[in-house]
N, C-alpha and C. Protein backbone atom coordinates (compact mmCIF):
# COMPACT_ATOMS: atom_id res chain seq x y z
N LEU A 1 -11.66 12.73 2.70
CA LEU A 1 -12.16 14.09 2.55
C LEU A 1 -13.61 14.10 2.07
N LEU A 2 -13.95 13.11 1.26
CA LEU A 2 -15.35 13.03 0.81
C LEU A 2 -16.29 12.77 1.97
N ALA A 3 -15.86 11.92 2.91
CA ALA A 3 -16.68 11.66 4.08
C ALA A 3 -16.84 12.92 4.92
N ALA A 4 -15.76 13.70 5.04
CA ALA A 4 -15.84 14.96 5.78
C ALA A 4 -16.78 15.93 5.09
N ASP A 5 -16.76 15.95 3.77
CA ASP A 5 -17.69 16.80 3.02
C ASP A 5 -19.13 16.39 3.26
N THR A 6 -19.37 15.10 3.37
CA THR A 6 -20.72 14.61 3.67
C THR A 6 -21.15 15.08 5.06
N LEU A 7 -20.22 14.98 6.02
CA LEU A 7 -20.51 15.48 7.37
C LEU A 7 -20.77 16.98 7.35
N LEU A 8 -19.99 17.68 6.56
CA LEU A 8 -20.13 19.13 6.44
C LEU A 8 -21.53 19.50 5.96
N ALA A 9 -22.05 18.71 5.04
CA ALA A 9 -23.40 18.97 4.53
C ALA A 9 -24.46 18.73 5.60
N LYS A 10 -24.17 17.81 6.52
CA LYS A 10 -25.16 17.48 7.56
C LYS A 10 -24.97 18.34 8.81
N ASN A 11 -23.71 18.62 9.15
CA ASN A 11 -23.41 19.40 10.35
C ASN A 11 -22.13 20.17 10.07
N ALA A 12 -22.25 21.45 9.86
CA ALA A 12 -21.12 22.28 9.43
C ALA A 12 -19.96 22.23 10.42
N GLU A 13 -20.23 22.30 11.69
CA GLU A 13 -19.16 22.34 12.70
C GLU A 13 -18.38 21.02 12.73
N ILE A 14 -19.09 19.91 12.75
CA ILE A 14 -18.44 18.59 12.76
C ILE A 14 -17.71 18.35 11.45
N GLY A 15 -18.32 18.72 10.35
CA GLY A 15 -17.70 18.55 9.04
C GLY A 15 -16.41 19.32 8.90
N ARG A 16 -16.40 20.58 9.35
CA ARG A 16 -15.18 21.39 9.29
C ARG A 16 -14.09 20.80 10.17
N ALA A 17 -14.45 20.33 11.36
CA ALA A 17 -13.48 19.73 12.27
C ALA A 17 -12.88 18.46 11.67
N ALA A 18 -13.72 17.63 11.07
CA ALA A 18 -13.25 16.39 10.45
C ALA A 18 -12.33 16.71 9.28
N ARG A 19 -12.72 17.67 8.48
CA ARG A 19 -11.91 18.06 7.31
C ARG A 19 -10.55 18.59 7.76
N GLU A 20 -10.53 19.40 8.79
CA GLU A 20 -9.28 19.96 9.31
C GLU A 20 -8.37 18.85 9.85
N LEU A 21 -8.93 17.92 10.58
CA LEU A 21 -8.16 16.80 11.11
C LEU A 21 -7.54 15.98 9.98
N ILE A 22 -8.32 15.68 8.97
CA ILE A 22 -7.82 14.91 7.83
C ILE A 22 -6.72 15.68 7.11
N ARG A 23 -6.92 16.96 6.90
CA ARG A 23 -5.91 17.80 6.23
C ARG A 23 -4.59 17.78 7.02
N LYS A 24 -4.68 17.92 8.33
CA LYS A 24 -3.47 17.90 9.16
C LYS A 24 -2.73 16.57 9.04
N ARG A 25 -3.49 15.48 9.06
CA ARG A 25 -2.87 14.15 8.93
C ARG A 25 -2.20 13.99 7.57
N LEU A 26 -2.86 14.44 6.51
CA LEU A 26 -2.28 14.34 5.17
C LEU A 26 -1.04 15.23 5.04
N ASP A 27 -1.12 16.44 5.57
CA ASP A 27 0.00 17.38 5.50
C ASP A 27 1.20 16.90 6.31
N SER A 28 0.95 16.11 7.35
CA SER A 28 2.05 15.62 8.18
C SER A 28 2.73 14.40 7.57
N GLY A 29 2.24 13.96 6.41
CA GLY A 29 2.84 12.81 5.75
C GLY A 29 2.30 11.48 6.23
N ALA A 30 1.14 11.51 6.84
CA ALA A 30 0.53 10.27 7.32
C ALA A 30 0.38 9.27 6.18
N CYS A 31 0.50 8.03 6.51
CA CYS A 31 0.46 6.96 5.53
C CYS A 31 -0.95 6.37 5.46
N PHE A 32 -1.60 6.53 4.32
CA PHE A 32 -2.95 6.02 4.14
C PHE A 32 -3.07 5.03 3.00
N ASP A 33 -1.99 4.88 2.21
CA ASP A 33 -2.06 3.95 1.10
C ASP A 33 -0.71 3.25 0.92
N ILE A 34 -0.72 2.18 0.16
CA ILE A 34 0.47 1.35 -0.02
C ILE A 34 1.61 2.15 -0.66
N LYS A 35 1.29 3.07 -1.53
CA LYS A 35 2.33 3.86 -2.20
C LYS A 35 3.15 4.68 -1.20
N SER A 36 2.54 5.11 -0.12
CA SER A 36 3.27 5.92 0.86
C SER A 36 3.93 5.10 1.96
N LEU A 37 3.71 3.79 1.94
CA LEU A 37 4.35 2.90 2.92
C LEU A 37 5.83 2.78 2.58
N GLU A 38 6.69 2.80 3.58
CA GLU A 38 8.14 2.80 3.36
C GLU A 38 8.73 1.45 2.97
N VAL A 39 7.91 0.43 2.82
CA VAL A 39 8.39 -0.86 2.32
C VAL A 39 7.59 -1.24 1.08
N ARG A 40 8.15 -2.12 0.30
CA ARG A 40 7.52 -2.59 -0.93
C ARG A 40 7.39 -4.10 -0.86
N GLY A 41 6.66 -4.65 -1.79
CA GLY A 41 6.51 -6.10 -1.86
C GLY A 41 7.84 -6.81 -1.96
N GLU A 42 8.78 -6.22 -2.70
CA GLU A 42 10.11 -6.83 -2.85
C GLU A 42 10.80 -7.00 -1.51
N ASP A 43 10.59 -6.04 -0.61
CA ASP A 43 11.19 -6.12 0.72
C ASP A 43 10.62 -7.31 1.50
N ILE A 44 9.34 -7.53 1.34
CA ILE A 44 8.67 -8.62 2.05
C ILE A 44 9.08 -9.96 1.44
N ILE A 45 9.20 -10.01 0.14
CA ILE A 45 9.67 -11.22 -0.54
C ILE A 45 11.08 -11.57 -0.09
N ALA A 46 11.92 -10.55 0.08
CA ALA A 46 13.30 -10.77 0.53
C ALA A 46 13.36 -11.40 1.91
N LEU A 47 12.30 -11.21 2.69
CA LEU A 47 12.22 -11.82 4.03
C LEU A 47 11.79 -13.28 3.95
N GLY A 48 11.30 -13.71 2.78
CA GLY A 48 10.91 -15.10 2.61
C GLY A 48 9.42 -15.32 2.36
N ALA A 49 8.65 -14.26 2.29
CA ALA A 49 7.22 -14.40 2.02
C ALA A 49 7.00 -14.75 0.55
N VAL A 50 5.98 -15.54 0.29
CA VAL A 50 5.66 -15.93 -1.08
C VAL A 50 4.16 -15.81 -1.33
N GLY A 51 3.83 -15.66 -2.60
CA GLY A 51 2.43 -15.69 -3.02
C GLY A 51 1.56 -14.64 -2.37
N SER A 52 0.36 -15.03 -2.04
CA SER A 52 -0.62 -14.10 -1.48
C SER A 52 -0.23 -13.60 -0.09
N LYS A 53 0.70 -14.29 0.56
CA LYS A 53 1.15 -13.85 1.88
C LYS A 53 1.83 -12.50 1.81
N VAL A 54 2.48 -12.19 0.67
CA VAL A 54 3.13 -10.89 0.50
C VAL A 54 2.10 -9.78 0.63
N GLY A 55 1.02 -9.89 -0.10
CA GLY A 55 -0.05 -8.89 -0.03
C GLY A 55 -0.71 -8.84 1.32
N ASP A 56 -0.91 -10.00 1.95
CA ASP A 56 -1.51 -10.04 3.28
C ASP A 56 -0.65 -9.29 4.29
N ILE A 57 0.66 -9.51 4.21
CA ILE A 57 1.58 -8.86 5.15
C ILE A 57 1.62 -7.35 4.89
N ILE A 58 1.70 -6.96 3.63
CA ILE A 58 1.71 -5.53 3.29
C ILE A 58 0.43 -4.86 3.79
N SER A 59 -0.70 -5.51 3.61
CA SER A 59 -1.98 -4.95 4.07
C SER A 59 -1.99 -4.76 5.58
N GLU A 60 -1.49 -5.75 6.29
CA GLU A 60 -1.43 -5.65 7.76
C GLU A 60 -0.47 -4.53 8.19
N LEU A 61 0.67 -4.43 7.52
CA LEU A 61 1.63 -3.37 7.85
C LEU A 61 1.02 -1.99 7.59
N LEU A 62 0.32 -1.85 6.48
CA LEU A 62 -0.34 -0.58 6.17
C LEU A 62 -1.36 -0.23 7.24
N ARG A 63 -2.13 -1.20 7.65
CA ARG A 63 -3.13 -0.97 8.71
C ARG A 63 -2.45 -0.48 9.98
N LEU A 64 -1.36 -1.13 10.37
CA LEU A 64 -0.65 -0.76 11.60
C LEU A 64 -0.05 0.65 11.51
N VAL A 65 0.48 0.99 10.36
CA VAL A 65 1.05 2.33 10.18
C VAL A 65 -0.05 3.38 10.12
N ALA A 66 -1.12 3.11 9.39
CA ALA A 66 -2.21 4.07 9.25
C ALA A 66 -2.86 4.38 10.60
N TYR A 67 -2.94 3.37 11.49
CA TYR A 67 -3.53 3.58 12.80
C TYR A 67 -2.54 4.10 13.83
N GLY A 68 -1.29 4.30 13.40
CA GLY A 68 -0.30 4.86 14.32
C GLY A 68 0.35 3.86 15.26
N VAL A 69 0.12 2.59 15.03
CA VAL A 69 0.73 1.55 15.87
C VAL A 69 2.22 1.45 15.56
N LEU A 70 2.58 1.60 14.28
CA LEU A 70 3.97 1.58 13.83
C LEU A 70 4.30 2.90 13.15
N LYS A 71 5.55 3.34 13.32
CA LYS A 71 6.02 4.48 12.55
C LYS A 71 6.29 4.03 11.13
N ASN A 72 6.10 4.92 10.19
CA ASN A 72 6.35 4.61 8.79
C ASN A 72 7.84 4.73 8.50
N GLU A 73 8.61 3.87 9.14
CA GLU A 73 10.06 3.80 8.97
C GLU A 73 10.42 2.38 8.54
N LYS A 74 11.20 2.28 7.50
CA LYS A 74 11.49 0.98 6.89
C LYS A 74 12.00 -0.03 7.90
N ARG A 75 12.96 0.36 8.73
CA ARG A 75 13.56 -0.55 9.71
C ARG A 75 12.49 -1.11 10.67
N ILE A 76 11.63 -0.25 11.14
CA ILE A 76 10.58 -0.65 12.09
C ILE A 76 9.57 -1.56 11.40
N ILE A 77 9.17 -1.19 10.20
CA ILE A 77 8.17 -1.97 9.46
C ILE A 77 8.72 -3.35 9.11
N LEU A 78 9.97 -3.42 8.69
CA LEU A 78 10.56 -4.72 8.34
C LEU A 78 10.67 -5.63 9.56
N ALA A 79 10.97 -5.05 10.71
CA ALA A 79 11.02 -5.86 11.93
C ALA A 79 9.64 -6.46 12.23
N LYS A 80 8.60 -5.67 12.06
CA LYS A 80 7.24 -6.17 12.27
C LYS A 80 6.88 -7.21 11.21
N ALA A 81 7.31 -6.98 9.97
CA ALA A 81 7.05 -7.95 8.90
C ALA A 81 7.70 -9.29 9.22
N GLU A 82 8.91 -9.26 9.75
CA GLU A 82 9.60 -10.52 10.14
C GLU A 82 8.80 -11.22 11.24
N GLU A 83 8.29 -10.45 12.18
CA GLU A 83 7.49 -11.01 13.27
C GLU A 83 6.23 -11.67 12.71
N ILE A 84 5.53 -10.98 11.82
CA ILE A 84 4.31 -11.52 11.21
C ILE A 84 4.63 -12.77 10.42
N LEU A 85 5.70 -12.73 9.64
CA LEU A 85 6.10 -13.87 8.84
C LEU A 85 6.45 -15.07 9.71
N GLY A 86 7.11 -14.81 10.83
CA GLY A 86 7.44 -15.87 11.77
C GLY A 86 6.20 -16.57 12.32
N LYS A 87 5.15 -15.78 12.60
CA LYS A 87 3.90 -16.34 13.11
C LYS A 87 3.20 -17.18 12.04
N ILE A 88 3.34 -16.77 10.79
CA ILE A 88 2.73 -17.54 9.69
C ILE A 88 3.39 -18.90 9.57
N HIS A 89 4.70 -18.94 9.76
CA HIS A 89 5.45 -20.19 9.60
C HIS A 89 5.36 -21.11 10.82
N GLU A 90 4.78 -20.63 11.92
CA GLU A 90 4.67 -21.47 13.12
C GLU A 90 3.63 -22.57 12.95
């Protein structure tokens, strides 16, 4: 929203459009941070990840959900986490 406010200061029409888009995404429950992700570190550890790999996997999952590649549903995210973890162990 701060970036949209900056745009608003430079170009009112673009700034308002950006702000509205961001508001809609936030109101729809879009996932932009780890707290809103439907999995936790414990879930990733339960799959067999250890150490810094847990954070790496969570970060990648958040990126995929935030960009709309994955739905923010635990079952879907865990399946992707297993896939990522499998590639790490190869």
